[in-house]
N, C-alpha and C. Protein backbone atom coordinates (compact mmCIF):
# COMPACT_ATOMS: atom_id res chain seq x y z
N MET A 1 -10.61 -5.17 -5.32
CA MET A 1 -10.09 -6.15 -4.39
C MET A 1 -11.26 -6.82 -3.67
N THR A 2 -11.14 -8.10 -3.47
CA THR A 2 -12.17 -8.81 -2.72
C THR A 2 -11.55 -9.46 -1.51
N ILE A 3 -12.33 -9.46 -0.46
CA ILE A 3 -11.95 -10.18 0.75
C ILE A 3 -13.20 -10.90 1.23
N ALA A 4 -13.04 -12.14 1.55
CA ALA A 4 -14.18 -12.91 2.03
C ALA A 4 -14.60 -12.38 3.39
N PRO A 5 -15.88 -12.14 3.58
CA PRO A 5 -16.34 -11.66 4.89
C PRO A 5 -15.87 -12.56 6.03
N ARG A 6 -15.85 -13.88 5.81
CA ARG A 6 -15.38 -14.80 6.85
C ARG A 6 -13.95 -14.48 7.25
N ASP A 7 -13.06 -14.22 6.27
CA ASP A 7 -11.67 -13.89 6.56
C ASP A 7 -11.56 -12.53 7.26
N PHE A 8 -12.35 -11.59 6.82
CA PHE A 8 -12.34 -10.26 7.42
C PHE A 8 -12.72 -10.33 8.89
N PHE A 9 -13.86 -10.97 9.18
CA PHE A 9 -14.33 -11.03 10.56
C PHE A 9 -13.45 -11.93 11.42
N SER A 10 -12.84 -12.92 10.82
CA SER A 10 -11.88 -13.75 11.55
C SER A 10 -10.68 -12.91 11.97
N ALA A 11 -10.23 -12.03 11.10
CA ALA A 11 -9.10 -11.15 11.43
C ALA A 11 -9.45 -10.25 12.61
N LEU A 12 -10.68 -9.78 12.66
CA LEU A 12 -11.10 -8.90 13.74
C LEU A 12 -11.34 -9.65 15.05
N SER A 13 -11.41 -10.97 14.98
CA SER A 13 -11.75 -11.74 16.18
C SER A 13 -10.60 -11.85 17.17
N HIS A 14 -9.38 -11.53 16.75
CA HIS A 14 -8.25 -11.57 17.69
C HIS A 14 -7.98 -10.17 18.20
N GLU A 15 -7.86 -10.03 19.51
CA GLU A 15 -7.73 -8.71 20.13
C GLU A 15 -6.55 -7.90 19.58
N THR A 16 -5.41 -8.52 19.40
CA THR A 16 -4.25 -7.78 18.90
C THR A 16 -4.50 -7.25 17.50
N ARG A 17 -5.04 -8.08 16.63
CA ARG A 17 -5.33 -7.62 15.27
C ARG A 17 -6.38 -6.52 15.26
N LEU A 18 -7.41 -6.68 16.07
CA LEU A 18 -8.45 -5.66 16.16
C LEU A 18 -7.87 -4.34 16.66
N ARG A 19 -7.06 -4.39 17.70
CA ARG A 19 -6.45 -3.17 18.24
C ARG A 19 -5.56 -2.49 17.21
N CYS A 20 -4.81 -3.27 16.46
CA CYS A 20 -3.96 -2.70 15.40
C CYS A 20 -4.81 -2.02 14.33
N LEU A 21 -5.87 -2.68 13.91
CA LEU A 21 -6.73 -2.10 12.88
C LEU A 21 -7.41 -0.83 13.37
N ILE A 22 -7.84 -0.82 14.61
CA ILE A 22 -8.49 0.39 15.15
C ILE A 22 -7.49 1.53 15.20
N LEU A 23 -6.26 1.25 15.57
CA LEU A 23 -5.24 2.31 15.54
C LEU A 23 -5.03 2.83 14.13
N LEU A 24 -5.05 1.93 13.15
CA LEU A 24 -4.84 2.36 11.77
C LEU A 24 -6.02 3.14 11.20
N VAL A 25 -7.20 2.94 11.74
CA VAL A 25 -8.33 3.76 11.32
C VAL A 25 -8.08 5.21 11.74
N ARG A 26 -7.45 5.37 12.90
CA ARG A 26 -7.24 6.71 13.47
C ARG A 26 -5.94 7.36 13.04
N HIS A 27 -4.99 6.56 12.56
CA HIS A 27 -3.67 7.06 12.17
C HIS A 27 -3.35 6.53 10.77
N PRO A 28 -2.95 7.40 9.85
CA PRO A 28 -2.72 6.96 8.47
C PRO A 28 -1.66 5.88 8.33
N GLU A 29 -0.65 5.92 9.17
CA GLU A 29 0.45 4.96 9.07
C GLU A 29 1.14 4.88 10.43
N LEU A 30 1.50 3.66 10.82
CA LEU A 30 2.21 3.45 12.08
C LEU A 30 3.34 2.45 11.88
N CYS A 31 4.41 2.68 12.61
CA CYS A 31 5.56 1.79 12.62
C CYS A 31 5.30 0.66 13.62
N VAL A 32 5.93 -0.46 13.41
CA VAL A 32 5.79 -1.58 14.34
C VAL A 32 6.10 -1.13 15.77
N CYS A 33 7.10 -0.28 15.93
CA CYS A 33 7.46 0.18 17.28
C CYS A 33 6.33 0.98 17.91
N GLU A 34 5.54 1.68 17.11
CA GLU A 34 4.40 2.42 17.65
C GLU A 34 3.31 1.46 18.12
N PHE A 35 3.08 0.40 17.36
CA PHE A 35 2.11 -0.60 17.79
C PHE A 35 2.56 -1.26 19.10
N THR A 36 3.83 -1.64 19.19
CA THR A 36 4.30 -2.31 20.40
C THR A 36 4.18 -1.39 21.60
N HIS A 37 4.48 -0.12 21.41
CA HIS A 37 4.37 0.85 22.52
C HIS A 37 2.90 1.03 22.93
N ALA A 38 2.04 1.24 21.96
CA ALA A 38 0.63 1.49 22.26
C ALA A 38 -0.05 0.27 22.90
N LEU A 39 0.26 -0.92 22.39
CA LEU A 39 -0.39 -2.13 22.88
C LEU A 39 0.29 -2.72 24.11
N GLY A 40 1.51 -2.28 24.39
CA GLY A 40 2.24 -2.86 25.51
C GLY A 40 2.59 -4.31 25.26
N ALA A 41 2.85 -4.64 24.00
CA ALA A 41 3.14 -6.02 23.60
C ALA A 41 4.54 -6.10 23.02
N VAL A 42 5.09 -7.29 23.00
CA VAL A 42 6.44 -7.47 22.45
C VAL A 42 6.39 -7.49 20.93
N GLN A 43 7.49 -7.09 20.32
CA GLN A 43 7.57 -6.94 18.87
C GLN A 43 7.23 -8.21 18.10
N PRO A 44 7.74 -9.39 18.47
CA PRO A 44 7.40 -10.59 17.68
C PRO A 44 5.89 -10.87 17.65
N HIS A 45 5.23 -10.66 18.77
CA HIS A 45 3.77 -10.88 18.83
C HIS A 45 3.05 -9.92 17.89
N VAL A 46 3.38 -8.64 17.98
CA VAL A 46 2.73 -7.64 17.14
C VAL A 46 3.05 -7.89 15.67
N SER A 47 4.30 -8.15 15.37
CA SER A 47 4.70 -8.39 13.97
C SER A 47 3.99 -9.59 13.37
N ARG A 48 3.80 -10.65 14.15
CA ARG A 48 3.10 -11.84 13.66
C ARG A 48 1.66 -11.49 13.26
N HIS A 49 0.99 -10.71 14.09
CA HIS A 49 -0.39 -10.36 13.78
C HIS A 49 -0.49 -9.36 12.64
N LEU A 50 0.45 -8.44 12.55
CA LEU A 50 0.48 -7.53 11.41
C LEU A 50 0.74 -8.29 10.11
N ALA A 51 1.59 -9.31 10.17
CA ALA A 51 1.85 -10.14 8.98
C ALA A 51 0.57 -10.86 8.55
N GLN A 52 -0.21 -11.33 9.51
CA GLN A 52 -1.47 -11.99 9.16
C GLN A 52 -2.43 -11.00 8.50
N LEU A 53 -2.48 -9.79 9.00
CA LEU A 53 -3.32 -8.77 8.38
C LEU A 53 -2.84 -8.43 6.98
N ARG A 54 -1.53 -8.43 6.79
CA ARG A 54 -0.96 -8.16 5.46
C ARG A 54 -1.28 -9.30 4.51
N GLU A 55 -1.18 -10.55 4.96
CA GLU A 55 -1.50 -11.71 4.13
C GLU A 55 -2.96 -11.69 3.68
N LEU A 56 -3.83 -11.16 4.50
CA LEU A 56 -5.25 -11.05 4.14
C LEU A 56 -5.52 -9.80 3.31
N ALA A 57 -4.48 -8.99 3.08
CA ALA A 57 -4.57 -7.74 2.30
C ALA A 57 -5.42 -6.68 3.00
N LEU A 58 -5.51 -6.76 4.33
CA LEU A 58 -6.20 -5.71 5.08
C LEU A 58 -5.29 -4.51 5.29
N VAL A 59 -3.99 -4.77 5.36
CA VAL A 59 -3.01 -3.69 5.53
C VAL A 59 -1.91 -3.84 4.48
N ARG A 60 -1.22 -2.76 4.28
CA ARG A 60 -0.02 -2.75 3.43
C ARG A 60 1.14 -2.26 4.28
N ASP A 61 2.33 -2.63 3.87
CA ASP A 61 3.50 -2.19 4.61
C ASP A 61 4.51 -1.54 3.67
N ARG A 62 5.41 -0.80 4.27
CA ARG A 62 6.54 -0.24 3.53
C ARG A 62 7.74 -0.20 4.47
N ARG A 63 8.89 -0.44 3.88
CA ARG A 63 10.14 -0.40 4.64
C ARG A 63 10.74 0.99 4.56
N ASP A 64 11.33 1.39 5.67
CA ASP A 64 12.08 2.63 5.73
C ASP A 64 13.32 2.32 6.56
N GLY A 65 14.37 1.86 5.88
CA GLY A 65 15.56 1.42 6.60
C GLY A 65 15.23 0.16 7.39
N LEU A 66 15.43 0.23 8.70
CA LEU A 66 15.13 -0.91 9.57
C LEU A 66 13.67 -0.98 9.97
N TRP A 67 12.93 0.06 9.73
CA TRP A 67 11.57 0.16 10.23
C TRP A 67 10.56 -0.31 9.18
N ILE A 68 9.48 -0.90 9.68
CA ILE A 68 8.38 -1.29 8.81
C ILE A 68 7.14 -0.52 9.27
N HIS A 69 6.53 0.17 8.32
CA HIS A 69 5.34 0.97 8.59
C HIS A 69 4.14 0.30 7.95
N TYR A 70 3.00 0.36 8.64
CA TYR A 70 1.77 -0.25 8.16
C TYR A 70 0.68 0.80 7.99
N ARG A 71 -0.20 0.55 7.03
CA ARG A 71 -1.37 1.40 6.80
C ARG A 71 -2.50 0.48 6.32
N LEU A 72 -3.73 0.97 6.47
CA LEU A 72 -4.85 0.22 5.91
C LEU A 72 -4.68 0.14 4.40
N ASN A 73 -5.07 -0.97 3.85
CA ASN A 73 -5.02 -1.15 2.40
C ASN A 73 -6.06 -0.22 1.78
N GLU A 74 -5.60 0.70 0.96
CA GLU A 74 -6.51 1.67 0.35
C GLU A 74 -7.47 1.03 -0.64
N GLU A 75 -7.28 -0.23 -0.99
CA GLU A 75 -8.17 -0.93 -1.91
C GLU A 75 -9.20 -1.81 -1.21
N LEU A 76 -9.31 -1.66 0.11
CA LEU A 76 -10.31 -2.44 0.82
C LEU A 76 -11.70 -2.11 0.30
N PRO A 77 -12.57 -3.10 0.26
CA PRO A 77 -13.95 -2.83 -0.16
C PRO A 77 -14.61 -1.82 0.79
N ALA A 78 -15.53 -1.06 0.25
CA ALA A 78 -16.21 -0.02 1.03
C ALA A 78 -16.88 -0.59 2.28
N TRP A 79 -17.48 -1.78 2.15
CA TRP A 79 -18.17 -2.36 3.30
C TRP A 79 -17.22 -2.63 4.46
N SER A 80 -15.99 -3.09 4.15
CA SER A 80 -15.04 -3.41 5.22
C SER A 80 -14.50 -2.13 5.87
N LEU A 81 -14.27 -1.10 5.07
CA LEU A 81 -13.86 0.19 5.65
C LEU A 81 -14.95 0.76 6.54
N ALA A 82 -16.20 0.62 6.12
CA ALA A 82 -17.32 1.11 6.93
C ALA A 82 -17.38 0.36 8.26
N VAL A 83 -17.18 -0.94 8.23
CA VAL A 83 -17.18 -1.73 9.47
C VAL A 83 -16.05 -1.26 10.39
N LEU A 84 -14.87 -1.06 9.82
CA LEU A 84 -13.74 -0.61 10.64
C LEU A 84 -13.98 0.77 11.23
N ARG A 85 -14.48 1.68 10.43
CA ARG A 85 -14.74 3.05 10.92
C ARG A 85 -15.82 3.06 12.00
N GLU A 86 -16.89 2.32 11.77
CA GLU A 86 -17.98 2.26 12.77
C GLU A 86 -17.49 1.60 14.06
N THR A 87 -16.69 0.56 13.93
CA THR A 87 -16.15 -0.11 15.11
C THR A 87 -15.23 0.84 15.87
N ALA A 88 -14.36 1.55 15.16
CA ALA A 88 -13.46 2.50 15.81
C ALA A 88 -14.24 3.57 16.57
N ALA A 89 -15.30 4.06 15.96
CA ALA A 89 -16.12 5.08 16.62
C ALA A 89 -16.81 4.51 17.86
N ALA A 90 -17.25 3.27 17.77
CA ALA A 90 -17.98 2.65 18.88
C ALA A 90 -17.09 2.34 20.08
N VAL A 91 -15.82 2.03 19.83
CA VAL A 91 -14.93 1.63 20.93
C VAL A 91 -14.00 2.75 21.39
N ARG A 92 -14.12 3.90 20.80
CA ARG A 92 -13.22 5.03 21.05
C ARG A 92 -12.96 5.29 22.54
N GLU A 93 -13.98 5.24 23.35
CA GLU A 93 -13.85 5.56 24.77
C GLU A 93 -13.86 4.34 25.68
N THR A 94 -13.55 3.17 25.11
CA THR A 94 -13.56 1.95 25.91
C THR A 94 -12.16 1.35 25.99
N SER A 95 -11.97 0.55 27.02
CA SER A 95 -10.70 -0.13 27.22
C SER A 95 -10.67 -1.38 26.33
N PRO A 96 -9.55 -1.70 25.74
CA PRO A 96 -8.21 -1.13 25.83
C PRO A 96 -7.92 -0.05 24.78
N PHE A 97 -8.91 0.28 23.96
CA PHE A 97 -8.67 1.19 22.83
C PHE A 97 -8.33 2.61 23.30
N LEU A 98 -8.98 3.04 24.35
CA LEU A 98 -8.69 4.37 24.91
C LEU A 98 -7.25 4.43 25.41
N GLU A 99 -6.82 3.39 26.10
CA GLU A 99 -5.44 3.34 26.59
C GLU A 99 -4.43 3.24 25.45
N ASP A 100 -4.78 2.51 24.39
CA ASP A 100 -3.88 2.41 23.23
C ASP A 100 -3.60 3.81 22.68
N GLU A 101 -4.64 4.61 22.53
CA GLU A 101 -4.47 5.97 22.02
C GLU A 101 -3.64 6.82 22.97
N ARG A 102 -3.93 6.72 24.25
CA ARG A 102 -3.18 7.50 25.25
C ARG A 102 -1.71 7.11 25.25
N ASP A 103 -1.44 5.81 25.24
CA ASP A 103 -0.05 5.35 25.26
C ASP A 103 0.70 5.75 23.99
N LEU A 104 0.03 5.66 22.86
CA LEU A 104 0.66 6.08 21.61
C LEU A 104 1.00 7.57 21.65
N ALA A 105 0.08 8.37 22.16
CA ALA A 105 0.30 9.81 22.24
C ALA A 105 1.48 10.16 23.15
N LYS A 106 1.75 9.32 24.13
CA LYS A 106 2.84 9.56 25.08
C LYS A 106 4.18 9.02 24.61
N MET A 107 4.19 8.31 23.49
CA MET A 107 5.43 7.68 23.01
C MET A 107 6.47 8.73 22.61
N PRO A 108 7.66 8.64 23.22
CA PRO A 108 8.73 9.56 22.81
C PRO A 108 9.38 9.08 21.52
N ASN A 109 9.97 9.98 20.79
CA ASN A 109 10.74 9.64 19.59
C ASN A 109 9.94 8.82 18.58
N ARG A 110 8.71 9.23 18.32
CA ARG A 110 7.91 8.52 17.32
C ARG A 110 8.58 8.62 15.96
N PRO A 111 8.33 7.66 15.08
CA PRO A 111 8.97 7.64 13.76
C PRO A 111 8.79 8.93 12.96
N THR A 112 7.71 9.65 13.22
CA THR A 112 7.52 10.91 12.52
C THR A 112 8.61 11.90 12.91
N ALA A 113 9.32 11.60 14.00
CA ALA A 113 10.47 12.41 14.41
C ALA A 113 11.76 11.78 13.87
N LEU A 114 11.66 10.98 12.84
CA LEU A 114 12.74 10.36 12.09
C LEU A 114 13.14 8.96 12.52
N ARG A 115 13.03 8.60 13.78
CA ARG A 115 13.47 7.28 14.23
C ARG A 115 12.59 6.73 15.31
N CYS A 116 12.52 5.42 15.37
CA CYS A 116 11.84 4.76 16.50
C CYS A 116 12.81 4.71 17.66
N ALA A 117 12.28 4.74 18.84
CA ALA A 117 13.12 4.67 20.05
C ALA A 117 13.57 3.25 20.29
């Protein structure tokens, strides 16, 4: 799979997309409801940015009933995965990424418990 570096870095230039990607580096798969809870954003906003990431083939999605789950595209080039991993490590203890992790951890009824709240 190829992705133009310009498209990759453009995707990372928007805070919502970057926050979603950083969460996906740390979590194998997340439901849209988990992103909205962690980011404190409304579903249409989050879904629009996840769709843009999907169109660029940075993420993949799967349906589970009413829920849509996202994960990093396992076919991403090694260089782009390295950038994402290094970025995630660098921002781990900074705002808003630290709060995203805390808020996600506090989310009740996560999809792994069968349903989104």
